[in-house]
Amino acid sequence: MTVRELLQKTGWKALTDIPDTAVSSAYIGDLLSWVMAHAQAGAAWVTVQAHINVIAVASLTGCACVIIPENIQVSEETLEAARSKGVAVISAPCTAYGAAKALCALGVGEA
């Protein structure tokens, strides 16, 4: 599945341009150093963190996208950083757990 297909199937909201990047796994975590050490390239990363450092971590790890649950507001500064680094950012109305359930139901597993 691609990030674009993920959006189509969930109805979540794209906050940046959405590429046809493949989603190979899911990762859920909020401690950035932990995510840097454990998230794999191609992961759909679910986090409640919505600041600019998330974009740096997503870019460094090669995550397919960042999913921000609970309609948490993402600053324009963070979105600009995401656009400049080509990181797809998605807003989901559900909790992180709900996002995990949706990813699992779509066949996205952990790495």
PDB file of N, CA and C in Angstrom:
ATOM      1  N   MET A   1       0.840  -1.170   0.000  1.00  0.00           N
ATOM      2  CA  MET A   1       0.000   0.000   0.000  1.00  0.00           C
ATOM      3  C   MET A   1       0.890   1.239   0.000  1.00  0.00           C
ATOM      4  N   THR A   2       0.428   2.288  -0.644  1.00  0.00           N
ATOM      5  CA  THR A   2       1.165   3.543  -0.659  1.00  0.00           C
ATOM      6  C   THR A   2       0.544   4.516   0.340  1.00  0.00           C
ATOM      7  N   VAL A   3       1.249   5.587   0.599  1.00  0.00           N
ATOM      8  CA  VAL A   3       0.726   6.621   1.499  1.00  0.00           C
ATOM      9  C   VAL A   3      -0.567   7.196   0.909  1.00  0.00           C
ATOM     10  N   ARG A   4      -0.590   7.391  -0.388  1.00  0.00           N
ATOM     11  CA  ARG A   4      -1.782   7.924  -1.058  1.00  0.00           C
ATOM     12  C   ARG A   4      -2.978   6.976  -0.868  1.00  0.00           C
ATOM     13  N   GLU A   5      -2.742   5.679  -1.016  1.00  0.00           N
ATOM     14  CA  GLU A   5      -3.814   4.695  -0.818  1.00  0.00           C
ATOM     15  C   GLU A   5      -4.266   4.672   0.640  1.00  0.00           C
ATOM     16  N   LEU A   6      -3.333   4.811   1.568  1.00  0.00           N
ATOM     17  CA  LEU A   6      -3.661   4.877   2.991  1.00  0.00           C
ATOM     18  C   LEU A   6      -4.637   6.018   3.258  1.00  0.00           C
ATOM     19  N   LEU A   7      -4.357   7.175   2.677  1.00  0.00           N
ATOM     20  CA  LEU A   7      -5.249   8.323   2.841  1.00  0.00           C
ATOM     21  C   LEU A   7      -6.631   8.047   2.247  1.00  0.00           C
ATOM     22  N   GLN A   8      -6.657   7.466   1.065  1.00  0.00           N
ATOM     23  CA  GLN A   8      -7.934   7.169   0.412  1.00  0.00           C
ATOM     24  C   GLN A   8      -8.762   6.195   1.239  1.00  0.00           C
ATOM     25  N   LYS A   9      -8.124   5.209   1.833  1.00  0.00           N
ATOM     26  CA  LYS A   9      -8.851   4.172   2.567  1.00  0.00           C
ATOM     27  C   LYS A   9      -9.286   4.610   3.961  1.00  0.00           C
ATOM     28  N   THR A  10      -8.577   5.570   4.544  1.00  0.00           N
ATOM     29  CA  THR A  10      -8.915   6.004   5.901  1.00  0.00           C
ATOM     30  C   THR A  10      -9.727   7.290   5.940  1.00  0.00           C
ATOM     31  N   GLY A  11      -9.584   8.122   4.925  1.00  0.00           N
ATOM     32  CA  GLY A  11     -10.244   9.421   4.943  1.00  0.00           C
ATOM     33  C   GLY A  11      -9.537  10.436   5.809  1.00  0.00           C
ATOM     34  N   TRP A  12      -8.327  10.105   6.269  1.00  0.00           N
ATOM     35  CA  TRP A  12      -7.551  11.052   7.059  1.00  0.00           C
ATOM     36  C   TRP A  12      -7.139  12.229   6.187  1.00  0.00           C
ATOM     37  N   LYS A  13      -6.652  13.294   6.809  1.00  0.00           N
ATOM     38  CA  LYS A  13      -6.368  14.544   6.100  1.00  0.00           C
ATOM     39  C   LYS A  13      -4.873  14.722   5.836  1.00  0.00           C
ATOM     40  N   ALA A  14      -4.537  14.996   4.585  1.00  0.00           N
ATOM     41  CA  ALA A  14      -3.155  15.293   4.217  1.00  0.00           C
ATOM     42  C   ALA A  14      -2.833  16.732   4.609  1.00  0.00           C
ATOM     43  N   LEU A  15      -1.723  16.912   5.322  1.00  0.00           N
ATOM     44  CA  LEU A  15      -1.279  18.256   5.690  1.00  0.00           C
ATOM     45  C   LEU A  15      -0.149  18.739   4.781  1.00  0.00           C
ATOM     46  N   THR A  16       0.425  17.825   4.022  1.00  0.00           N
ATOM     47  CA  THR A  16       1.483  18.135   3.055  1.00  0.00           C
ATOM     48  C   THR A  16       1.179  17.349   1.786  1.00  0.00           C
ATOM     49  N   ASP A  17       2.019  17.509   0.783  1.00  0.00           N
ATOM     50  CA  ASP A  17       1.884  16.696  -0.426  1.00  0.00           C
ATOM     51  C   ASP A  17       2.046  15.235  -0.038  1.00  0.00           C
ATOM     52  N   ILE A  18       1.296  14.387  -0.713  1.00  0.00           N
ATOM     53  CA  ILE A  18       1.321  12.965  -0.407  1.00  0.00           C
ATOM     54  C   ILE A  18       1.897  12.203  -1.599  1.00  0.00           C
ATOM     55  N   PRO A  19       3.021  11.560  -1.390  1.00  0.00           N
ATOM     56  CA  PRO A  19       3.656  10.811  -2.479  1.00  0.00           C
ATOM     57  C   PRO A  19       3.066   9.403  -2.607  1.00  0.00           C
ATOM     58  N   ASP A  20       3.505   8.708  -3.627  1.00  0.00           N
ATOM     59  CA  ASP A  20       3.104   7.312  -3.805  1.00  0.00           C
ATOM     60  C   ASP A  20       4.114   6.383  -3.130  1.00  0.00           C
ATOM     61  N   THR A  21       4.727   6.838  -2.069  1.00  0.00           N
ATOM     62  CA  THR A  21       5.704   6.057  -1.317  1.00  0.00           C
ATOM     63  C   THR A  21       5.034   4.846  -0.693  1.00  0.00           C
ATOM     64  N   ALA A  22       5.695   3.714  -0.755  1.00  0.00           N
ATOM     65  CA  ALA A  22       5.158   2.485  -0.164  1.00  0.00           C
ATOM     66  C   ALA A  22       5.236   2.533   1.354  1.00  0.00           C
ATOM     67  N   VAL A  23       4.184   2.056   1.986  1.00  0.00           N
ATOM     68  CA  VAL A  23       4.153   1.886   3.442  1.00  0.00           C
ATOM     69  C   VAL A  23       4.450   0.416   3.698  1.00  0.00           C
ATOM     70  N   SER A  24       5.586   0.157   4.334  1.00  0.00           N
ATOM     71  CA  SER A  24       5.995  -1.231   4.553  1.00  0.00           C
ATOM     72  C   SER A  24       5.713  -1.725   5.966  1.00  0.00           C
ATOM     73  N   SER A  25       5.497  -0.785   6.888  1.00  0.00           N
ATOM     74  CA  SER A  25       5.256  -1.173   8.280  1.00  0.00           C
ATOM     75  C   SER A  25       4.661   0.023   9.016  1.00  0.00           C
ATOM     76  N   ALA A  26       4.367  -0.184  10.290  1.00  0.00           N
ATOM     77  CA  ALA A  26       3.880   0.900  11.142  1.00  0.00           C
ATOM     78  C   ALA A  26       4.762   0.971  12.378  1.00  0.00           C
ATOM     79  N   TYR A  27       4.904   2.184  12.895  1.00  0.00           N
ATOM     80  CA  TYR A  27       5.660   2.370  14.126  1.00  0.00           C
ATOM     81  C   TYR A  27       4.939   3.429  14.946  1.00  0.00           C
ATOM     82  N   ILE A  28       4.781   3.164  16.232  1.00  0.00           N
ATOM     83  CA  ILE A  28       4.108   4.108  17.111  1.00  0.00           C
ATOM     84  C   ILE A  28       5.034   4.435  18.260  1.00  0.00           C
ATOM     85  N   GLY A  29       5.331   5.713  18.405  1.00  0.00           N
ATOM     86  CA  GLY A  29       6.209   6.133  19.498  1.00  0.00           C
ATOM     87  C   GLY A  29       6.335   7.635  19.536  1.00  0.00           C
ATOM     88  N   ASP A  30       6.597   8.144  20.738  1.00  0.00           N
ATOM     89  CA  ASP A  30       6.701   9.580  20.939  1.00  0.00           C
ATOM     90  C   ASP A  30       8.078  10.033  21.425  1.00  0.00           C
ATOM     91  N   LEU A  31       8.907   9.112  21.844  1.00  0.00           N
ATOM     92  CA  LEU A  31      10.250   9.457  22.300  1.00  0.00           C
ATOM     93  C   LEU A  31      11.171   9.460  21.081  1.00  0.00           C
ATOM     94  N   LEU A  32      11.565  10.642  20.649  1.00  0.00           N
ATOM     95  CA  LEU A  32      12.256  10.772  19.369  1.00  0.00           C
ATOM     96  C   LEU A  32      13.532   9.956  19.276  1.00  0.00           C
ATOM     97  N   SER A  33      14.312   9.907  20.331  1.00  0.00           N
ATOM     98  CA  SER A  33      15.551   9.124  20.285  1.00  0.00           C
ATOM     99  C   SER A  33      15.248   7.639  20.108  1.00  0.00           C
ATOM    100  N   TRP A  34      14.168   7.178  20.694  1.00  0.00           N
ATOM    101  CA  TRP A  34      13.763   5.779  20.553  1.00  0.00           C
ATOM    102  C   TRP A  34      13.326   5.497  19.119  1.00  0.00           C
ATOM    103  N   VAL A  35      12.552   6.402  18.566  1.00  0.00           N
ATOM    104  CA  VAL A  35      12.088   6.251  17.185  1.00  0.00           C
ATOM    105  C   VAL A  35      13.284   6.246  16.238  1.00  0.00           C
ATOM    106  N   MET A  36      14.247   7.133  16.466  1.00  0.00           N
ATOM    107  CA  MET A  36      15.449   7.162  15.616  1.00  0.00           C
ATOM    108  C   MET A  36      16.168   5.822  15.627  1.00  0.00           C
ATOM    109  N   ALA A  37      16.179   5.180  16.759  1.00  0.00           N
ATOM    110  CA  ALA A  37      16.900   3.918  16.898  1.00  0.00           C
ATOM    111  C   ALA A  37      16.109   2.718  16.382  1.00  0.00           C
ATOM    112  N   HIS A  38      14.779   2.828  16.319  1.00  0.00           N
ATOM    113  CA  HIS A  38      13.978   1.636  16.040  1.00  0.00           C
ATOM    114  C   HIS A  38      13.045   1.696  14.834  1.00  0.00           C
ATOM    115  N   ALA A  39      12.634   2.868  14.409  1.00  0.00           N
ATOM    116  CA  ALA A  39      11.732   2.945  13.248  1.00  0.00           C
ATOM    117  C   ALA A  39      12.498   2.575  11.988  1.00  0.00           C
ATOM    118  N   GLN A  40      11.813   1.935  11.086  1.00  0.00           N
ATOM    119  CA  GLN A  40      12.456   1.493   9.852  1.00  0.00           C
ATOM    120  C   GLN A  40      11.968   2.315   8.664  1.00  0.00           C
ATOM    121  N   ALA A  41      12.792   2.373   7.654  1.00  0.00           N
ATOM    122  CA  ALA A  41      12.407   3.065   6.423  1.00  0.00           C
ATOM    123  C   ALA A  41      11.103   2.461   5.907  1.00  0.00           C
ATOM    124  N   GLY A  42      10.224   3.327   5.443  1.00  0.00           N
ATOM    125  CA  GLY A  42       8.941   2.877   4.920  1.00  0.00           C
ATOM    126  C   GLY A  42       7.837   2.788   5.956  1.00  0.00           C
ATOM    127  N   ALA A  43       8.148   3.081   7.209  1.00  0.00           N
ATOM    128  CA  ALA A  43       7.144   2.986   8.273  1.00  0.00           C
ATOM    129  C   ALA A  43       6.175   4.165   8.225  1.00  0.00           C
ATOM    130  N   ALA A  44       4.919   3.882   8.529  1.00  0.00           N
ATOM    131  CA  ALA A  44       3.944   4.922   8.831  1.00  0.00           C
ATOM    132  C   ALA A  44       4.093   5.164  10.327  1.00  0.00           C
ATOM    133  N   TRP A  45       4.619   6.314  10.686  1.00  0.00           N
ATOM    134  CA  TRP A  45       4.938   6.620  12.087  1.00  0.00           C
ATOM    135  C   TRP A  45       3.795   7.408  12.711  1.00  0.00           C
ATOM    136  N   VAL A  46       3.227   6.881  13.782  1.00  0.00           N
ATOM    137  CA  VAL A  46       2.157   7.546  14.521  1.00  0.00           C
ATOM    138  C   VAL A  46       2.768   8.152  15.782  1.00  0.00           C
ATOM    139  N   THR A  47       2.587   9.470  15.949  1.00  0.00           N
ATOM    140  CA  THR A  47       3.113  10.160  17.124  1.00  0.00           C
ATOM    141  C   THR A  47       2.241  11.352  17.484  1.00  0.00           C
ATOM    142  N   VAL A  48       2.144  11.640  18.783  1.00  0.00           N
ATOM    143  CA  VAL A  48       1.422  12.837  19.219  1.00  0.00           C
ATOM    144  C   VAL A  48       2.340  14.059  19.208  1.00  0.00           C
ATOM    145  N   GLN A  49       3.607  13.850  18.968  1.00  0.00           N
ATOM    146  CA  GLN A  49       4.539  14.977  18.858  1.00  0.00           C
ATOM    147  C   GLN A  49       4.276  15.678  17.527  1.00  0.00           C
ATOM    148  N   ALA A  50       4.181  16.985  17.535  1.00  0.00           N
ATOM    149  CA  ALA A  50       3.848  17.708  16.308  1.00  0.00           C
ATOM    150  C   ALA A  50       4.790  18.888  16.084  1.00  0.00           C
ATOM    151  N   HIS A  51       6.018  18.766  16.551  1.00  0.00           N
ATOM    152  CA  HIS A  51       6.971  19.863  16.402  1.00  0.00           C
ATOM    153  C   HIS A  51       8.004  19.551  15.317  1.00  0.00           C
ATOM    154  N   ILE A  52       8.831  20.502  15.040  1.00  0.00           N
ATOM    155  CA  ILE A  52       9.761  20.433  13.912  1.00  0.00           C
ATOM    156  C   ILE A  52      10.763  19.278  14.022  1.00  0.00           C
ATOM    157  N   ASN A  53      11.105  18.868  15.220  1.00  0.00           N
ATOM    158  CA  ASN A  53      12.072  17.777  15.367  1.00  0.00           C
ATOM    159  C   ASN A  53      11.521  16.444  14.862  1.00  0.00           C
ATOM    160  N   VAL A  54      10.212  16.295  14.850  1.00  0.00           N
ATOM    161  CA  VAL A  54       9.594  15.086  14.311  1.00  0.00           C
ATOM    162  C   VAL A  54       9.942  14.944  12.830  1.00  0.00           C
ATOM    163  N   ILE A  55       9.964  16.047  12.140  1.00  0.00           N
ATOM    164  CA  ILE A  55      10.266  16.024  10.706  1.00  0.00           C
ATOM    165  C   ILE A  55      11.705  15.577  10.482  1.00  0.00           C
ATOM    166  N   ALA A  56      12.610  16.068  11.297  1.00  0.00           N
ATOM    167  CA  ALA A  56      14.016  15.663  11.182  1.00  0.00           C
ATOM    168  C   ALA A  56      14.159  14.158  11.404  1.00  0.00           C
ATOM    169  N   VAL A  57      13.468  13.623  12.398  1.00  0.00           N
ATOM    170  CA  VAL A  57      13.535  12.183  12.687  1.00  0.00           C
ATOM    171  C   VAL A  57      12.907  11.382  11.555  1.00  0.00           C
ATOM    172  N   ALA A  58      11.773  11.822  11.052  1.00  0.00           N
ATOM    173  CA  ALA A  58      11.115  11.118   9.946  1.00  0.00           C
ATOM    174  C   ALA A  58      12.004  11.098   8.709  1.00  0.00           C
ATOM    175  N   SER A  59      12.658  12.205   8.447  1.00  0.00           N
ATOM    176  CA  SER A  59      13.561  12.282   7.297  1.00  0.00           C
ATOM    177  C   SER A  59      14.777  11.380   7.493  1.00  0.00           C
ATOM    178  N   LEU A  60      15.329  11.411   8.674  1.00  0.00           N
ATOM    179  CA  LEU A  60      16.516  10.606   8.996  1.00  0.00           C
ATOM    180  C   LEU A  60      16.229   9.111   8.888  1.00  0.00           C
ATOM    181  N   THR A  61      15.080   8.689   9.360  1.00  0.00           N
ATOM    182  CA  THR A  61      14.752   7.265   9.370  1.00  0.00           C
ATOM    183  C   THR A  61      14.118   6.789   8.068  1.00  0.00           C
ATOM    184  N   GLY A  62      13.691   7.717   7.225  1.00  0.00           N
ATOM    185  CA  GLY A  62      13.060   7.330   5.964  1.00  0.00           C
ATOM    186  C   GLY A  62      11.629   6.858   6.124  1.00  0.00           C
ATOM    187  N   CYS A  63      10.934   7.365   7.140  1.00  0.00           N
ATOM    188  CA  CYS A  63       9.534   6.981   7.333  1.00  0.00           C
ATOM    189  C   CYS A  63       8.715   7.370   6.106  1.00  0.00           C
ATOM    190  N   ALA A  64       7.748   6.545   5.764  1.00  0.00           N
ATOM    191  CA  ALA A  64       6.887   6.827   4.611  1.00  0.00           C
ATOM    192  C   ALA A  64       6.002   8.037   4.889  1.00  0.00           C
ATOM    193  N   CYS A  65       5.582   8.182   6.142  1.00  0.00           N
ATOM    194  CA  CYS A  65       4.735   9.315   6.524  1.00  0.00           C
ATOM    195  C   CYS A  65       4.710   9.428   8.042  1.00  0.00           C
ATOM    196  N   VAL A  66       4.256  10.588   8.489  1.00  0.00           N
ATOM    197  CA  VAL A  66       4.021  10.824   9.913  1.00  0.00           C
ATOM    198  C   VAL A  66       2.528  11.033  10.081  1.00  0.00           C
ATOM    199  N   ILE A  67       1.928  10.279  10.984  1.00  0.00           N
ATOM    200  CA  ILE A  67       0.500  10.396  11.266  1.00  0.00           C
ATOM    201  C   ILE A  67       0.347  11.021  12.647  1.00  0.00           C
ATOM    202  N   ILE A  68      -0.303  12.177  12.671  1.00  0.00           N
ATOM    203  CA  ILE A  68      -0.537  12.901  13.926  1.00  0.00           C
ATOM    204  C   ILE A  68      -1.996  12.654  14.321  1.00  0.00           C
ATOM    205  N   PRO A  69      -2.233  11.925  15.420  1.00  0.00           N
ATOM    206  CA  PRO A  69      -3.612  11.581  15.796  1.00  0.00           C
ATOM    207  C   PRO A  69      -4.342  12.712  16.524  1.00  0.00           C
ATOM    208  N   GLU A  70      -5.611  12.471  16.791  1.00  0.00           N
ATOM    209  CA  GLU A  70      -6.471  13.342  17.599  1.00  0.00           C
ATOM    210  C   GLU A  70      -6.574  14.765  17.062  1.00  0.00           C
ATOM    211  N   ASN A  71      -6.393  14.910  15.749  1.00  0.00           N
ATOM    212  CA  ASN A  71      -6.454  16.234  15.109  1.00  0.00           C
ATOM    213  C   ASN A  71      -5.567  17.263  15.807  1.00  0.00           C
ATOM    214  N   ILE A  72      -4.448  16.814  16.332  1.00  0.00           N
ATOM    215  CA  ILE A  72      -3.502  17.717  16.991  1.00  0.00           C
ATOM    216  C   ILE A  72      -3.018  18.729  15.960  1.00  0.00           C
ATOM    217  N   GLN A  73      -2.991  19.978  16.346  1.00  0.00           N
ATOM    218  CA  GLN A  73      -2.563  21.043  15.446  1.00  0.00           C
ATOM    219  C   GLN A  73      -1.059  20.956  15.186  1.00  0.00           C
ATOM    220  N   VAL A  74      -0.685  21.125  13.936  1.00  0.00           N
ATOM    221  CA  VAL A  74       0.716  21.123  13.528  1.00  0.00           C
ATOM    222  C   VAL A  74       1.036  22.530  13.043  1.00  0.00           C
ATOM    223  N   SER A  75       2.099  23.117  13.575  1.00  0.00           N
ATOM    224  CA  SER A  75       2.445  24.492  13.222  1.00  0.00           C
ATOM    225  C   SER A  75       2.864  24.599  11.756  1.00  0.00           C
ATOM    226  N   GLU A  76       2.695  25.786  11.224  1.00  0.00           N
ATOM    227  CA  GLU A  76       3.109  26.034   9.841  1.00  0.00           C
ATOM    228  C   GLU A  76       4.619  25.857   9.695  1.00  0.00           C
ATOM    229  N   GLU A  77       5.379  26.202  10.725  1.00  0.00           N
ATOM    230  CA  GLU A  77       6.833  26.006  10.696  1.00  0.00           C
ATOM    231  C   GLU A  77       7.173  24.519  10.507  1.00  0.00           C
ATOM    232  N   THR A  78       6.474  23.670  11.215  1.00  0.00           N
ATOM    233  CA  THR A  78       6.692  22.229  11.097  1.00  0.00           C
ATOM    234  C   THR A  78       6.290  21.728   9.714  1.00  0.00           C
ATOM    235  N   LEU A  79       5.170  22.205   9.206  1.00  0.00           N
ATOM    236  CA  LEU A  79       4.718  21.783   7.881  1.00  0.00           C
ATOM    237  C   LEU A  79       5.659  22.272   6.786  1.00  0.00           C
ATOM    238  N   GLU A  80       6.195  23.469   6.945  1.00  0.00           N
ATOM    239  CA  GLU A  80       7.173  23.980   5.975  1.00  0.00           C
ATOM    240  C   GLU A  80       8.423  23.105   5.969  1.00  0.00           C
ATOM    241  N   ALA A  81       8.870  22.712   7.153  1.00  0.00           N
ATOM    242  CA  ALA A  81      10.029  21.816   7.240  1.00  0.00           C
ATOM    243  C   ALA A  81       9.721  20.488   6.561  1.00  0.00           C
ATOM    244  N   ALA A  82       8.513  19.972   6.772  1.00  0.00           N
ATOM    245  CA  ALA A  82       8.111  18.716   6.148  1.00  0.00           C
ATOM    246  C   ALA A  82       8.114  18.843   4.628  1.00  0.00           C
ATOM    247  N   ARG A  83       7.576  19.934   4.138  1.00  0.00           N
ATOM    248  CA  ARG A  83       7.546  20.146   2.684  1.00  0.00           C
ATOM    249  C   ARG A  83       8.960  20.225   2.116  1.00  0.00           C
ATOM    250  N   SER A  84       9.828  20.933   2.813  1.00  0.00           N
ATOM    251  CA  SER A  84      11.199  21.099   2.297  1.00  0.00           C
ATOM    252  C   SER A  84      11.984  19.791   2.322  1.00  0.00           C
ATOM    253  N   LYS A  85      11.642  18.878   3.226  1.00  0.00           N
ATOM    254  CA  LYS A  85      12.342  17.588   3.319  1.00  0.00           C
ATOM    255  C   LYS A  85      11.579  16.456   2.635  1.00  0.00           C
ATOM    256  N   GLY A  86      10.413  16.761   2.091  1.00  0.00           N
ATOM    257  CA  GLY A  86       9.627  15.740   1.413  1.00  0.00           C
ATOM    258  C   GLY A  86       9.003  14.720   2.343  1.00  0.00           C
ATOM    259  N   VAL A  87       8.671  15.151   3.563  1.00  0.00           N
ATOM    260  CA  VAL A  87       8.043  14.263   4.546  1.00  0.00           C
ATOM    261  C   VAL A  87       6.526  14.456   4.495  1.00  0.00           C
ATOM    262  N   ALA A  88       5.811  13.369   4.286  1.00  0.00           N
ATOM    263  CA  ALA A  88       4.354  13.414   4.249  1.00  0.00           C
ATOM    264  C   ALA A  88       3.811  13.449   5.674  1.00  0.00           C
ATOM    265  N   VAL A  89       2.934  14.414   5.950  1.00  0.00           N
ATOM    266  CA  VAL A  89       2.323  14.535   7.273  1.00  0.00           C
ATOM    267  C   VAL A  89       0.813  14.397   7.109  1.00  0.00           C
ATOM    268  N   ILE A  90       0.227  13.549   7.954  1.00  0.00           N
ATOM    269  CA  ILE A  90      -1.196  13.230   7.897  1.00  0.00           C
ATOM    270  C   ILE A  90      -1.827  13.498   9.266  1.00  0.00           C
ATOM    271  N   SER A  91      -3.007  14.063   9.246  1.00  0.00           N
ATOM    272  CA  SER A  91      -3.769  14.282  10.479  1.00  0.00           C
ATOM    273  C   SER A  91      -4.883  13.245  10.546  1.00  0.00           C
ATOM    274  N   ALA A  92      -5.004  12.582  11.694  1.00  0.00           N
ATOM    275  CA  ALA A  92      -6.055  11.586  11.906  1.00  0.00           C
ATOM    276  C   ALA A  92      -6.930  12.029  13.075  1.00  0.00           C
ATOM    277  N   PRO A  93      -8.251  11.851  12.969  1.00  0.00           N
ATOM    278  CA  PRO A  93      -9.139  12.275  14.053  1.00  0.00           C
ATOM    279  C   PRO A  93      -9.149  11.317  15.238  1.00  0.00           C
ATOM    280  N   CYS A  94      -8.669  10.107  15.043  1.00  0.00           N
ATOM    281  CA  CYS A  94      -8.709   9.076  16.080  1.00  0.00           C
ATOM    282  C   CYS A  94      -7.495   9.183  17.013  1.00  0.00           C
ATOM    283  N   THR A  95      -7.496   8.375  18.042  1.00  0.00           N
ATOM    284  CA  THR A  95      -6.353   8.292  18.945  1.00  0.00           C
ATOM    285  C   THR A  95      -5.214   7.536  18.247  1.00  0.00           C
ATOM    286  N   ALA A  96      -4.048   7.518  18.881  1.00  0.00           N
ATOM    287  CA  ALA A  96      -2.923   6.736  18.347  1.00  0.00           C
ATOM    288  C   ALA A  96      -3.307   5.260  18.283  1.00  0.00           C
ATOM    289  N   TYR A  97      -4.035   4.795  19.277  1.00  0.00           N
ATOM    290  CA  TYR A  97      -4.498   3.412  19.272  1.00  0.00           C
ATOM    291  C   TYR A  97      -5.439   3.168  18.097  1.00  0.00           C
ATOM    292  N   GLY A  98      -6.342   4.100  17.861  1.00  0.00           N
ATOM    293  CA  GLY A  98      -7.252   3.985  16.728  1.00  0.00           C
ATOM    294  C   GLY A  98      -6.503   3.970  15.405  1.00  0.00           C
ATOM    295  N   ALA A  99      -5.460   4.776  15.297  1.00  0.00           N
ATOM    296  CA  ALA A  99      -4.642   4.793  14.080  1.00  0.00           C
ATOM    297  C   ALA A  99      -3.947   3.442  13.909  1.00  0.00           C
ATOM    298  N   ALA A 100      -3.452   2.886  15.009  1.00  0.00           N
ATOM    299  CA  ALA A 100      -2.800   1.575  14.955  1.00  0.00           C
ATOM    300  C   ALA A 100      -3.788   0.509  14.493  1.00  0.00           C
ATOM    301  N   LYS A 101      -5.002   0.551  15.026  1.00  0.00           N
ATOM    302  CA  LYS A 101      -6.026  -0.414  14.623  1.00  0.00           C
ATOM    303  C   LYS A 101      -6.346  -0.277  13.140  1.00  0.00           C
ATOM    304  N   ALA A 102      -6.455   0.956  12.656  1.00  0.00           N
ATOM    305  CA  ALA A 102      -6.766   1.180  11.248  1.00  0.00           C
ATOM    306  C   ALA A 102      -5.635   0.665  10.362  1.00  0.00           C
ATOM    307  N   LEU A 103      -4.403   0.937  10.747  1.00  0.00           N
ATOM    308  CA  LEU A 103      -3.255   0.444   9.969  1.00  0.00           C
ATOM    309  C   LEU A 103      -3.245  -1.084   9.941  1.00  0.00           C
ATOM    310  N   CYS A 104      -3.499  -1.679  11.074  1.00  0.00           N
ATOM    311  CA  CYS A 104      -3.523  -3.146  11.160  1.00  0.00           C
ATOM    312  C   CYS A 104      -4.645  -3.711  10.290  1.00  0.00           C
ATOM    313  N   ALA A 105      -5.815  -3.091  10.334  1.00  0.00           N
ATOM    314  CA  ALA A 105      -6.948  -3.568   9.536  1.00  0.00           C
ATOM    315  C   ALA A 105      -6.655  -3.473   8.039  1.00  0.00           C
ATOM    316  N   LEU A 106      -5.777  -2.546   7.662  1.00  0.00           N
ATOM    317  CA  LEU A 106      -5.399  -2.391   6.256  1.00  0.00           C
ATOM    318  C   LEU A 106      -4.236  -3.315   5.868  1.00  0.00           C
ATOM    319  N   GLY A 107      -3.790  -4.108   6.822  1.00  0.00           N
ATOM    320  CA  GLY A 107      -2.723  -5.060   6.529  1.00  0.00           C
ATOM    321  C   GLY A 107      -1.329  -4.538   6.739  1.00  0.00           C
ATOM    322  N   VAL A 108      -1.213  -3.381   7.365  1.00  0.00           N
ATOM    323  CA  VAL A 108       0.116  -2.829   7.665  1.00  0.00           C
ATOM    324  C   VAL A 108       0.556  -3.392   9.005  1.00  0.00           C
ATOM    325  N   GLY A 109       1.673  -4.092   9.013  1.00  0.00           N
ATOM    326  CA  GLY A 109       2.173  -4.690  10.254  1.00  0.00           C
ATOM    327  C   GLY A 109       3.399  -3.979  10.753  1.00  0.00           C
ATOM    328  N   GLU A 110       3.944  -4.513  11.839  1.00  0.00           N
ATOM    329  CA  GLU A 110       5.180  -3.924  12.355  1.00  0.00           C
ATOM    330  C   GLU A 110       6.354  -4.529  11.612  1.00  0.00           C
ATOM    331  N   ALA A 111       7.454  -3.819  11.643  1.00  0.00           N
ATOM    332  CA  ALA A 111       8.650  -4.282  10.915  1.00  0.00           C
ATOM    333  C   ALA A 111       9.301  -5.447  11.624  1.00  0.00           C
TER     334      ALA A 111
END
